[in-house]
Amino acid sequence: MWAARRKAATALGLAVRAALLGHSGAAGGLEIQSVFLLAEGWDFDAETGAYRTGQDYEMSAS
């Protein structure tokens, strides 16, 4: 997720985390049993002046 300000990139990351962590139920034709955050990081691209929040998740589904 890229944003013009670090605060906005962080807010986006927090919103995604809140939506995904602990989620269970139907999604995309699968039954999601659990979601785990594996890694999270922040970055700044000096060329574009954009901030980034990156997250890696693991989902178990049936």
PDB file of N, CA and C in Angstrom:
ATOM      1  N   MET A   1       0.836  -1.154   0.000  1.00  0.00           N
ATOM      2  CA  MET A   1       0.000   0.000   0.000  1.00  0.00           C
ATOM      3  C   MET A   1       0.897   1.238   0.000  1.00  0.00           C
ATOM      4  N   TRP A   2       0.722   2.072  -0.970  1.00  0.00           N
ATOM      5  CA  TRP A   2       1.513   3.296  -1.081  1.00  0.00           C
ATOM      6  C   TRP A   2       0.648   4.499  -0.738  1.00  0.00           C
ATOM      7  N   ALA A   3       1.262   5.511  -0.146  1.00  0.00           N
ATOM      8  CA  ALA A   3       0.550   6.740   0.202  1.00  0.00           C
ATOM      9  C   ALA A   3       1.531   7.909   0.168  1.00  0.00           C
ATOM     10  N   ALA A   4       0.996   9.103   0.066  1.00  0.00           N
ATOM     11  CA  ALA A   4       1.820  10.304   0.000  1.00  0.00           C
ATOM     12  C   ALA A   4       2.445  10.642   1.358  1.00  0.00           C
ATOM     13  N   ARG A   5       1.841  10.200   2.430  1.00  0.00           N
ATOM     14  CA  ARG A   5       2.348  10.483   3.780  1.00  0.00           C
ATOM     15  C   ARG A   5       2.469   9.185   4.566  1.00  0.00           C
ATOM     16  N   ARG A   6       3.470   9.147   5.447  1.00  0.00           N
ATOM     17  CA  ARG A   6       3.669   7.940   6.255  1.00  0.00           C
ATOM     18  C   ARG A   6       2.456   7.634   7.127  1.00  0.00           C
ATOM     19  N   LYS A   7       1.844   8.671   7.669  1.00  0.00           N
ATOM     20  CA  LYS A   7       0.672   8.478   8.525  1.00  0.00           C
ATOM     21  C   LYS A   7      -0.451   7.777   7.747  1.00  0.00           C
ATOM     22  N   ALA A   8      -0.643   8.144   6.497  1.00  0.00           N
ATOM     23  CA  ALA A   8      -1.684   7.528   5.675  1.00  0.00           C
ATOM     24  C   ALA A   8      -1.333   6.074   5.353  1.00  0.00           C
ATOM     25  N   ALA A   9      -0.072   5.801   5.034  1.00  0.00           N
ATOM     26  CA  ALA A   9       0.357   4.429   4.751  1.00  0.00           C
ATOM     27  C   ALA A   9       0.185   3.557   5.988  1.00  0.00           C
ATOM     28  N   THR A  10       0.516   4.098   7.144  1.00  0.00           N
ATOM     29  CA  THR A  10       0.356   3.354   8.398  1.00  0.00           C
ATOM     30  C   THR A  10      -1.117   3.092   8.673  1.00  0.00           C
ATOM     31  N   ALA A  11      -1.968   4.089   8.450  1.00  0.00           N
ATOM     32  CA  ALA A  11      -3.406   3.922   8.670  1.00  0.00           C
ATOM     33  C   ALA A  11      -3.974   2.843   7.752  1.00  0.00           C
ATOM     34  N   LEU A  12      -3.525   2.807   6.503  1.00  0.00           N
ATOM     35  CA  LEU A  12      -3.977   1.772   5.577  1.00  0.00           C
ATOM     36  C   LEU A  12      -3.559   0.390   6.071  1.00  0.00           C
ATOM     37  N   GLY A  13      -2.314   0.275   6.503  1.00  0.00           N
ATOM     38  CA  GLY A  13      -1.825  -0.996   7.024  1.00  0.00           C
ATOM     39  C   GLY A  13      -2.599  -1.454   8.244  1.00  0.00           C
ATOM     40  N   LEU A  14      -2.890  -0.539   9.138  1.00  0.00           N
ATOM     41  CA  LEU A  14      -3.664  -0.888  10.335  1.00  0.00           C
ATOM     42  C   LEU A  14      -5.082  -1.321   9.984  1.00  0.00           C
ATOM     43  N   ALA A  15      -5.675  -0.669   8.987  1.00  0.00           N
ATOM     44  CA  ALA A  15      -7.030  -1.031   8.567  1.00  0.00           C
ATOM     45  C   ALA A  15      -7.055  -2.432   7.947  1.00  0.00           C
ATOM     46  N   VAL A  16      -6.064  -2.733   7.116  1.00  0.00           N
ATOM     47  CA  VAL A  16      -5.996  -4.072   6.516  1.00  0.00           C
ATOM     48  C   VAL A  16      -5.786  -5.120   7.598  1.00  0.00           C
ATOM     49  N   ARG A  17      -4.864  -4.833   8.523  1.00  0.00           N
ATOM     50  CA  ARG A  17      -4.600  -5.774   9.618  1.00  0.00           C
ATOM     51  C   ARG A  17      -5.868  -6.029  10.428  1.00  0.00           C
ATOM     52  N   ALA A  18      -6.603  -4.978  10.766  1.00  0.00           N
ATOM     53  CA  ALA A  18      -7.830  -5.125  11.556  1.00  0.00           C
ATOM     54  C   ALA A  18      -8.879  -5.941  10.808  1.00  0.00           C
ATOM     55  N   ALA A  19      -8.943  -5.781   9.493  1.00  0.00           N
ATOM     56  CA  ALA A  19      -9.928  -6.511   8.700  1.00  0.00           C
ATOM     57  C   ALA A  19      -9.572  -7.988   8.554  1.00  0.00           C
ATOM     58  N   LEU A  20      -8.271  -8.296   8.470  1.00  0.00           N
ATOM     59  CA  LEU A  20      -7.865  -9.668   8.190  1.00  0.00           C
ATOM     60  C   LEU A  20      -7.583 -10.520   9.419  1.00  0.00           C
ATOM     61  N   LEU A  21      -6.936  -9.973  10.424  1.00  0.00           N
ATOM     62  CA  LEU A  21      -6.556 -10.792  11.570  1.00  0.00           C
ATOM     63  C   LEU A  21      -7.788 -11.316  12.293  1.00  0.00           C
ATOM     64  N   GLY A  22      -7.779 -12.590  12.529  1.00  0.00           N
ATOM     65  CA  GLY A  22      -8.888 -13.215  13.227  1.00  0.00           C
ATOM     66  C   GLY A  22     -10.089 -13.498  12.342  1.00  0.00           C
ATOM     67  N   HIS A  23      -9.983 -13.169  11.043  1.00  0.00           N
ATOM     68  CA  HIS A  23     -11.109 -13.391  10.137  1.00  0.00           C
ATOM     69  C   HIS A  23     -11.336 -14.886   9.928  1.00  0.00           C
ATOM     70  N   SER A  24     -12.574 -15.249   9.847  1.00  0.00           N
ATOM     71  CA  SER A  24     -12.951 -16.592   9.436  1.00  0.00           C
ATOM     72  C   SER A  24     -14.284 -16.465   8.721  1.00  0.00           C
ATOM     73  N   GLY A  25     -14.538 -17.395   7.830  1.00  0.00           N
ATOM     74  CA  GLY A  25     -15.777 -17.360   7.073  1.00  0.00           C
ATOM     75  C   GLY A  25     -15.509 -17.442   5.584  1.00  0.00           C
ATOM     76  N   ALA A  26     -16.541 -17.270   4.807  1.00  0.00           N
ATOM     77  CA  ALA A  26     -16.456 -17.411   3.362  1.00  0.00           C
ATOM     78  C   ALA A  26     -15.743 -16.222   2.729  1.00  0.00           C
ATOM     79  N   ALA A  27     -14.888 -16.541   1.761  1.00  0.00           N
ATOM     80  CA  ALA A  27     -14.192 -15.505   0.988  1.00  0.00           C
ATOM     81  C   ALA A  27     -13.708 -16.120  -0.315  1.00  0.00           C
ATOM     82  N   GLY A  28     -14.129 -15.567  -1.417  1.00  0.00           N
ATOM     83  CA  GLY A  28     -13.659 -16.033  -2.713  1.00  0.00           C
ATOM     84  C   GLY A  28     -13.946 -17.500  -2.988  1.00  0.00           C
ATOM     85  N   GLY A  29     -15.058 -17.998  -2.515  1.00  0.00           N
ATOM     86  CA  GLY A  29     -15.410 -19.385  -2.749  1.00  0.00           C
ATOM     87  C   GLY A  29     -14.738 -20.382  -1.818  1.00  0.00           C
ATOM     88  N   LEU A  30     -13.968 -19.902  -0.857  1.00  0.00           N
ATOM     89  CA  LEU A  30     -13.311 -20.759   0.123  1.00  0.00           C
ATOM     90  C   LEU A  30     -13.858 -20.462   1.509  1.00  0.00           C
ATOM     91  N   GLU A  31     -13.686 -21.405   2.390  1.00  0.00           N
ATOM     92  CA  GLU A  31     -14.042 -21.199   3.800  1.00  0.00           C
ATOM     93  C   GLU A  31     -12.744 -20.920   4.554  1.00  0.00           C
ATOM     94  N   ILE A  32     -12.512 -19.648   4.910  1.00  0.00           N
ATOM     95  CA  ILE A  32     -11.298 -19.248   5.622  1.00  0.00           C
ATOM     96  C   ILE A  32     -11.430 -19.673   7.080  1.00  0.00           C
ATOM     97  N   GLN A  33     -10.431 -20.416   7.554  1.00  0.00           N
ATOM     98  CA  GLN A  33     -10.444 -20.876   8.940  1.00  0.00           C
ATOM     99  C   GLN A  33      -9.656 -19.949   9.853  1.00  0.00           C
ATOM    100  N   SER A  34      -8.541 -19.402   9.349  1.00  0.00           N
ATOM    101  CA  SER A  34      -7.740 -18.487  10.166  1.00  0.00           C
ATOM    102  C   SER A  34      -6.807 -17.666   9.280  1.00  0.00           C
ATOM    103  N   VAL A  35      -6.404 -16.514   9.814  1.00  0.00           N
ATOM    104  CA  VAL A  35      -5.484 -15.601   9.124  1.00  0.00           C
ATOM    105  C   VAL A  35      -4.402 -15.190  10.112  1.00  0.00           C
ATOM    106  N   PHE A  36      -3.138 -15.274   9.678  1.00  0.00           N
ATOM    107  CA  PHE A  36      -2.010 -14.917  10.533  1.00  0.00           C
ATOM    108  C   PHE A  36      -1.122 -13.897   9.829  1.00  0.00           C
ATOM    109  N   LEU A  37      -0.700 -12.872  10.534  1.00  0.00           N
ATOM    110  CA  LEU A  37       0.257 -11.905  10.009  1.00  0.00           C
ATOM    111  C   LEU A  37       1.655 -12.498  10.156  1.00  0.00           C
ATOM    112  N   LEU A  38       2.363 -12.657   9.041  1.00  0.00           N
ATOM    113  CA  LEU A  38       3.707 -13.235   9.059  1.00  0.00           C
ATOM    114  C   LEU A  38       4.795 -12.177   9.141  1.00  0.00           C
ATOM    115  N   ALA A  39       4.620 -11.085   8.417  1.00  0.00           N
ATOM    116  CA  ALA A  39       5.649 -10.033   8.381  1.00  0.00           C
ATOM    117  C   ALA A  39       4.997  -8.710   8.019  1.00  0.00           C
ATOM    118  N   GLU A  40       5.644  -7.641   8.465  1.00  0.00           N
ATOM    119  CA  GLU A  40       5.147  -6.300   8.197  1.00  0.00           C
ATOM    120  C   GLU A  40       6.341  -5.359   8.118  1.00  0.00           C
ATOM    121  N   GLY A  41       6.299  -4.421   7.192  1.00  0.00           N
ATOM    122  CA  GLY A  41       7.402  -3.479   7.076  1.00  0.00           C
ATOM    123  C   GLY A  41       6.962  -2.176   6.433  1.00  0.00           C
ATOM    124  N   TRP A  42       7.783  -1.165   6.610  1.00  0.00           N
ATOM    125  CA  TRP A  42       7.514   0.160   6.069  1.00  0.00           C
ATOM    126  C   TRP A  42       8.700   0.586   5.227  1.00  0.00           C
ATOM    127  N   ASP A  43       8.436   1.396   4.221  1.00  0.00           N
ATOM    128  CA  ASP A  43       9.484   1.827   3.314  1.00  0.00           C
ATOM    129  C   ASP A  43       9.159   3.224   2.796  1.00  0.00           C
ATOM    130  N   PHE A  44      10.175   3.888   2.275  1.00  0.00           N
ATOM    131  CA  PHE A  44      10.021   5.206   1.659  1.00  0.00           C
ATOM    132  C   PHE A  44      10.744   5.179   0.329  1.00  0.00           C
ATOM    133  N   ASP A  45      10.074   5.621  -0.730  1.00  0.00           N
ATOM    134  CA  ASP A  45      10.673   5.717  -2.053  1.00  0.00           C
ATOM    135  C   ASP A  45      11.047   7.169  -2.300  1.00  0.00           C
ATOM    136  N   ALA A  46      12.339   7.476  -2.224  1.00  0.00           N
ATOM    137  CA  ALA A  46      12.810   8.857  -2.359  1.00  0.00           C
ATOM    138  C   ALA A  46      12.512   9.431  -3.743  1.00  0.00           C
ATOM    139  N   GLU A  47      12.499   8.582  -4.750  1.00  0.00           N
ATOM    140  CA  GLU A  47      12.258   9.049  -6.117  1.00  0.00           C
ATOM    141  C   GLU A  47      10.837   9.578  -6.293  1.00  0.00           C
ATOM    142  N   THR A  48       9.870   8.882  -5.728  1.00  0.00           N
ATOM    143  CA  THR A  48       8.469   9.290  -5.862  1.00  0.00           C
ATOM    144  C   THR A  48       7.969  10.063  -4.646  1.00  0.00           C
ATOM    145  N   GLY A  49       8.684   9.965  -3.523  1.00  0.00           N
ATOM    146  CA  GLY A  49       8.243  10.612  -2.286  1.00  0.00           C
ATOM    147  C   GLY A  49       7.080   9.885  -1.633  1.00  0.00           C
ATOM    148  N   ALA A  50       6.909   8.613  -1.966  1.00  0.00           N
ATOM    149  CA  ALA A  50       5.781   7.844  -1.436  1.00  0.00           C
ATOM    150  C   ALA A  50       6.237   6.919  -0.307  1.00  0.00           C
ATOM    151  N   TYR A  51       5.330   6.687   0.625  1.00  0.00           N
ATOM    152  CA  TYR A  51       5.560   5.773   1.743  1.00  0.00           C
ATOM    153  C   TYR A  51       4.794   4.483   1.488  1.00  0.00           C
ATOM    154  N   ARG A  52       5.342   3.379   1.987  1.00  0.00           N
ATOM    155  CA  ARG A  52       4.725   2.078   1.737  1.00  0.00           C
ATOM    156  C   ARG A  52       4.626   1.279   3.022  1.00  0.00           C
ATOM    157  N   THR A  53       3.517   0.596   3.159  1.00  0.00           N
ATOM    158  CA  THR A  53       3.343  -0.409   4.194  1.00  0.00           C
ATOM    159  C   THR A  53       3.129  -1.732   3.485  1.00  0.00           C
ATOM    160  N   GLY A  54       3.941  -2.724   3.834  1.00  0.00           N
ATOM    161  CA  GLY A  54       3.794  -4.048   3.237  1.00  0.00           C
ATOM    162  C   GLY A  54       3.509  -5.077   4.323  1.00  0.00           C
ATOM    163  N   GLN A  55       2.634  -6.007   4.011  1.00  0.00           N
ATOM    164  CA  GLN A  55       2.268  -7.044   4.963  1.00  0.00           C
ATOM    165  C   GLN A  55       2.170  -8.379   4.246  1.00  0.00           C
ATOM    166  N   ASP A  56       2.636  -9.424   4.900  1.00  0.00           N
ATOM    167  CA  ASP A  56       2.494 -10.786   4.389  1.00  0.00           C
ATOM    168  C   ASP A  56       1.611 -11.571   5.352  1.00  0.00           C
ATOM    169  N   TYR A  57       0.617 -12.238   4.799  1.00  0.00           N
ATOM    170  CA  TYR A  57      -0.323 -13.007   5.604  1.00  0.00           C
ATOM    171  C   TYR A  57      -0.322 -14.469   5.166  1.00  0.00           C
ATOM    172  N   GLU A  58      -0.683 -15.332   6.087  1.00  0.00           N
ATOM    173  CA  GLU A  58      -0.923 -16.728   5.789  1.00  0.00           C
ATOM    174  C   GLU A  58      -2.379 -17.014   6.159  1.00  0.00           C
ATOM    175  N   MET A  59      -3.084 -17.691   5.244  1.00  0.00           N
ATOM    176  CA  MET A  59      -4.475 -18.028   5.492  1.00  0.00           C
ATOM    177  C   MET A  59      -4.640 -19.528   5.356  1.00  0.00           C
ATOM    178  N   SER A  60      -5.404 -20.108   6.256  1.00  0.00           N
ATOM    179  CA  SER A  60      -5.751 -21.518   6.100  1.00  0.00           C
ATOM    180  C   SER A  60      -7.223 -21.574   5.705  1.00  0.00           C
ATOM    181  N   ALA A  61      -7.486 -22.404   4.693  1.00  0.00           N
ATOM    182  CA  ALA A  61      -8.838 -22.488   4.157  1.00  0.00           C
ATOM    183  C   ALA A  61      -9.181 -23.931   3.845  1.00  0.00           C
ATOM    184  N   SER A  62     -10.457 -24.159   3.730  1.00  0.00           N
ATOM    185  CA  SER A  62     -10.917 -25.487   3.332  1.00  0.00           C
ATOM    186  C   SER A  62     -11.807 -25.375   2.117  1.00  0.00           C
TER     187      SER A  62
END
